[in-house]
Amino acid sequence: FSLMTEGPAALEGRRVRKKFGTEWFEGEVSAVDSKGIDGVGNALVTYSDGDKEHLDFDEIYPILIPRKEGKPSAKRKRKRKE
């Protein structure tokens, strides 16, 4: 993932996995603010247990779950003409 090529909005909907204490939690980037309060971009992550936290972009990258290679993006499938 590259912020330079894809832009901050591409983070929205991406899955993350982060360790809290001894447990791992998965979540999703549910919102992105490219400027943030302090001028640094940040994202809101909502975890599977309902907890939420704001993370700066540099904190998001290490916890992103890689997309599956060859997995199609969220594009619609075309219907074949007969």
N, C-alpha and C. Protein backbone atom coordinates (compact mmCIF):
# COMPACT_ATOMS: atom_id res chain seq x y z
N PHE A 1 0.85 -1.19 0.00
CA PHE A 1 0.00 0.00 0.00
C PHE A 1 0.88 1.23 0.00
N SER A 2 0.55 2.20 -0.81
CA SER A 2 1.31 3.44 -0.87
C SER A 2 0.35 4.62 -0.82
N LEU A 3 0.51 5.45 0.18
CA LEU A 3 -0.32 6.63 0.33
C LEU A 3 -0.12 7.57 -0.85
N MET A 4 1.09 7.60 -1.38
CA MET A 4 1.41 8.49 -2.49
C MET A 4 0.65 8.10 -3.76
N THR A 5 0.54 6.80 -4.04
CA THR A 5 -0.11 6.39 -5.28
C THR A 5 -1.62 6.19 -5.12
N GLU A 6 -2.07 5.71 -3.98
CA GLU A 6 -3.49 5.40 -3.81
C GLU A 6 -4.27 6.49 -3.09
N GLY A 7 -3.62 7.31 -2.28
CA GLY A 7 -4.30 8.37 -1.57
C GLY A 7 -4.93 7.88 -0.27
N PRO A 8 -5.16 8.79 0.67
CA PRO A 8 -5.71 8.43 1.98
C PRO A 8 -7.06 7.73 1.93
N ALA A 9 -7.91 8.09 0.99
CA ALA A 9 -9.25 7.50 0.91
C ALA A 9 -9.18 6.00 0.67
N ALA A 10 -8.07 5.52 0.09
CA ALA A 10 -7.94 4.09 -0.20
C ALA A 10 -7.80 3.26 1.09
N LEU A 11 -7.53 3.92 2.20
CA LEU A 11 -7.44 3.21 3.48
C LEU A 11 -8.81 2.79 3.99
N GLU A 12 -9.83 3.57 3.66
CA GLU A 12 -11.17 3.28 4.17
C GLU A 12 -11.65 1.91 3.71
N GLY A 13 -12.09 1.11 4.68
CA GLY A 13 -12.56 -0.25 4.39
C GLY A 13 -11.47 -1.30 4.49
N ARG A 14 -10.21 -0.88 4.61
CA ARG A 14 -9.13 -1.86 4.72
C ARG A 14 -9.17 -2.53 6.09
N ARG A 15 -8.81 -3.80 6.16
CA ARG A 15 -8.80 -4.58 7.39
C ARG A 15 -7.45 -4.40 8.10
N VAL A 16 -7.50 -4.42 9.43
CA VAL A 16 -6.30 -4.31 10.25
C VAL A 16 -6.29 -5.40 11.31
N ARG A 17 -5.12 -5.65 11.86
CA ARG A 17 -4.98 -6.61 12.95
C ARG A 17 -3.96 -6.04 13.92
N LYS A 18 -4.36 -5.88 15.19
CA LYS A 18 -3.50 -5.24 16.18
C LYS A 18 -3.54 -6.01 17.49
N LYS A 19 -2.39 -6.06 18.14
CA LYS A 19 -2.28 -6.77 19.41
C LYS A 19 -2.47 -5.79 20.57
N PHE A 20 -3.37 -6.17 21.48
CA PHE A 20 -3.59 -5.41 22.72
C PHE A 20 -3.30 -6.38 23.85
N GLY A 21 -2.24 -6.14 24.60
CA GLY A 21 -1.84 -7.07 25.64
C GLY A 21 -1.41 -8.38 25.01
N THR A 22 -2.13 -9.45 25.32
CA THR A 22 -1.79 -10.76 24.76
C THR A 22 -2.76 -11.20 23.67
N GLU A 23 -3.77 -10.36 23.40
CA GLU A 23 -4.80 -10.74 22.42
C GLU A 23 -4.70 -9.92 21.14
N TRP A 24 -5.00 -10.59 20.02
CA TRP A 24 -5.06 -9.93 18.73
C TRP A 24 -6.51 -9.60 18.40
N PHE A 25 -6.71 -8.43 17.82
CA PHE A 25 -8.04 -8.00 17.41
C PHE A 25 -7.99 -7.54 15.96
N GLU A 26 -9.04 -7.90 15.22
CA GLU A 26 -9.16 -7.42 13.85
C GLU A 26 -10.19 -6.32 13.81
N GLY A 27 -10.00 -5.44 12.86
CA GLY A 27 -10.92 -4.34 12.70
C GLY A 27 -10.88 -3.81 11.29
N GLU A 28 -11.52 -2.68 11.10
CA GLU A 28 -11.62 -2.07 9.78
C GLU A 28 -11.44 -0.57 9.90
N VAL A 29 -10.76 0.00 8.93
CA VAL A 29 -10.65 1.46 8.87
C VAL A 29 -12.03 1.98 8.45
N SER A 30 -12.70 2.65 9.37
CA SER A 30 -14.08 3.06 9.11
C SER A 30 -14.21 4.51 8.65
N ALA A 31 -13.16 5.32 8.85
CA ALA A 31 -13.18 6.71 8.38
C ALA A 31 -11.74 7.20 8.28
N VAL A 32 -11.53 8.15 7.37
CA VAL A 32 -10.20 8.71 7.15
C VAL A 32 -10.29 10.22 7.15
N ASP A 33 -9.35 10.86 7.85
CA ASP A 33 -9.25 12.32 7.86
C ASP A 33 -7.85 12.65 7.37
N SER A 34 -7.73 13.15 6.16
CA SER A 34 -6.41 13.35 5.56
C SER A 34 -5.62 14.48 6.22
N LYS A 35 -6.29 15.37 6.96
CA LYS A 35 -5.57 16.46 7.63
C LYS A 35 -5.40 16.21 9.11
N GLY A 36 -6.38 15.64 9.76
CA GLY A 36 -6.30 15.38 11.19
C GLY A 36 -6.35 16.66 12.02
N ILE A 37 -6.43 16.50 13.31
CA ILE A 37 -6.51 17.65 14.22
C ILE A 37 -5.19 18.42 14.24
N ASP A 38 -4.08 17.67 14.26
CA ASP A 38 -2.76 18.30 14.36
C ASP A 38 -2.06 18.43 13.00
N GLY A 39 -2.83 18.31 11.90
CA GLY A 39 -2.25 18.42 10.57
C GLY A 39 -1.68 17.11 10.05
N VAL A 40 -1.73 16.08 10.87
CA VAL A 40 -1.27 14.75 10.47
C VAL A 40 -2.49 13.90 10.16
N GLY A 41 -2.49 13.24 9.02
CA GLY A 41 -3.63 12.41 8.66
C GLY A 41 -3.85 11.29 9.65
N ASN A 42 -5.12 10.97 9.88
CA ASN A 42 -5.42 9.86 10.78
C ASN A 42 -6.64 9.10 10.30
N ALA A 43 -6.84 7.95 10.89
CA ALA A 43 -7.96 7.10 10.51
C ALA A 43 -8.64 6.57 11.75
N LEU A 44 -9.95 6.38 11.65
CA LEU A 44 -10.72 5.78 12.72
C LEU A 44 -10.82 4.28 12.43
N VAL A 45 -10.38 3.47 13.39
CA VAL A 45 -10.45 2.02 13.25
C VAL A 45 -11.52 1.50 14.20
N THR A 46 -12.41 0.68 13.68
CA THR A 46 -13.44 0.03 14.49
C THR A 46 -13.11 -1.44 14.55
N TYR A 47 -12.90 -1.94 15.77
CA TYR A 47 -12.51 -3.34 15.98
C TYR A 47 -13.72 -4.24 16.12
N SER A 48 -13.50 -5.53 15.95
CA SER A 48 -14.60 -6.51 15.96
C SER A 48 -15.34 -6.54 17.30
N ASP A 49 -14.69 -6.12 18.38
CA ASP A 49 -15.36 -6.11 19.68
C ASP A 49 -16.11 -4.80 19.94
N GLY A 50 -16.11 -3.90 18.94
CA GLY A 50 -16.83 -2.64 19.08
C GLY A 50 -15.98 -1.46 19.50
N ASP A 51 -14.77 -1.73 19.99
CA ASP A 51 -13.88 -0.63 20.38
C ASP A 51 -13.45 0.14 19.14
N LYS A 52 -13.12 1.43 19.35
CA LYS A 52 -12.67 2.29 18.27
C LYS A 52 -11.46 3.06 18.73
N GLU A 53 -10.60 3.42 17.78
CA GLU A 53 -9.48 4.29 18.10
C GLU A 53 -9.03 5.04 16.85
N HIS A 54 -8.51 6.25 17.07
CA HIS A 54 -7.93 7.04 15.99
C HIS A 54 -6.44 6.74 15.95
N LEU A 55 -5.94 6.46 14.76
CA LEU A 55 -4.52 6.20 14.58
C LEU A 55 -3.98 7.09 13.47
N ASP A 56 -2.76 7.61 13.66
CA ASP A 56 -2.11 8.34 12.59
C ASP A 56 -1.80 7.37 11.46
N PHE A 57 -1.66 7.90 10.25
CA PHE A 57 -1.40 7.04 9.10
C PHE A 57 -0.17 6.16 9.32
N ASP A 58 0.88 6.70 9.92
CA ASP A 58 2.09 5.90 10.12
C ASP A 58 1.87 4.75 11.11
N GLU A 59 0.83 4.82 11.92
CA GLU A 59 0.49 3.72 12.83
C GLU A 59 -0.38 2.67 12.14
N ILE A 60 -1.06 3.06 11.07
CA ILE A 60 -1.96 2.16 10.34
C ILE A 60 -1.17 1.16 9.49
N TYR A 61 -0.16 1.64 8.78
CA TYR A 61 0.54 0.78 7.81
C TYR A 61 1.06 -0.53 8.38
N PRO A 62 1.68 -0.53 9.57
CA PRO A 62 2.19 -1.81 10.08
C PRO A 62 1.10 -2.82 10.46
N ILE A 63 -0.12 -2.36 10.67
CA ILE A 63 -1.17 -3.30 11.10
C ILE A 63 -2.16 -3.65 9.99
N LEU A 64 -1.96 -3.10 8.79
CA LEU A 64 -2.84 -3.44 7.67
C LEU A 64 -2.72 -4.92 7.33
N ILE A 65 -3.84 -5.56 7.10
CA ILE A 65 -3.83 -6.93 6.62
C ILE A 65 -3.68 -6.86 5.11
N PRO A 66 -2.66 -7.53 4.57
CA PRO A 66 -2.43 -7.45 3.11
C PRO A 66 -3.64 -7.96 2.34
N ARG A 67 -3.89 -7.31 1.21
CA ARG A 67 -4.94 -7.79 0.31
C ARG A 67 -4.45 -9.07 -0.33
N LYS A 68 -5.37 -9.94 -0.64
CA LYS A 68 -5.02 -11.19 -1.29
C LYS A 68 -4.52 -10.90 -2.70
N GLU A 69 -3.42 -11.54 -3.08
CA GLU A 69 -2.90 -11.38 -4.44
C GLU A 69 -3.92 -11.89 -5.43
N GLY A 70 -4.13 -11.14 -6.47
CA GLY A 70 -5.04 -11.56 -7.52
C GLY A 70 -6.51 -11.43 -7.18
N LYS A 71 -6.80 -10.97 -5.95
CA LYS A 71 -8.20 -10.81 -5.56
C LYS A 71 -8.77 -9.59 -6.26
N PRO A 72 -9.90 -9.74 -6.93
CA PRO A 72 -10.47 -8.59 -7.62
C PRO A 72 -10.89 -7.50 -6.65
N SER A 73 -10.79 -6.28 -7.11
CA SER A 73 -11.24 -5.17 -6.27
C SER A 73 -12.76 -5.18 -6.24
N ALA A 74 -13.34 -4.19 -5.61
CA ALA A 74 -14.79 -4.15 -5.44
C ALA A 74 -15.48 -3.66 -6.71
N LYS A 75 -15.04 -4.14 -7.84
CA LYS A 75 -15.66 -3.76 -9.11
C LYS A 75 -16.81 -4.71 -9.39
N ARG A 76 -17.79 -4.22 -10.12
CA ARG A 76 -18.91 -5.07 -10.53
C ARG A 76 -18.45 -6.03 -11.61
N LYS A 77 -19.02 -7.21 -11.58
CA LYS A 77 -18.76 -8.16 -12.63
C LYS A 77 -19.60 -7.79 -13.84
N ARG A 78 -18.99 -7.90 -15.00
CA ARG A 78 -19.74 -7.61 -16.22
C ARG A 78 -20.52 -8.82 -16.64
N LYS A 79 -21.70 -8.58 -17.17
CA LYS A 79 -22.51 -9.66 -17.71
C LYS A 79 -22.10 -9.86 -19.16
N ARG A 80 -21.98 -11.09 -19.55
CA ARG A 80 -21.64 -11.39 -20.94
C ARG A 80 -22.83 -11.15 -21.84
N LYS A 81 -22.54 -10.60 -23.00
CA LYS A 81 -23.59 -10.41 -24.00
C LYS A 81 -23.74 -11.70 -24.77
N GLU A 82 -24.95 -12.10 -24.99
CA GLU A 82 -25.18 -13.35 -25.70
C GLU A 82 -25.68 -13.12 -27.09
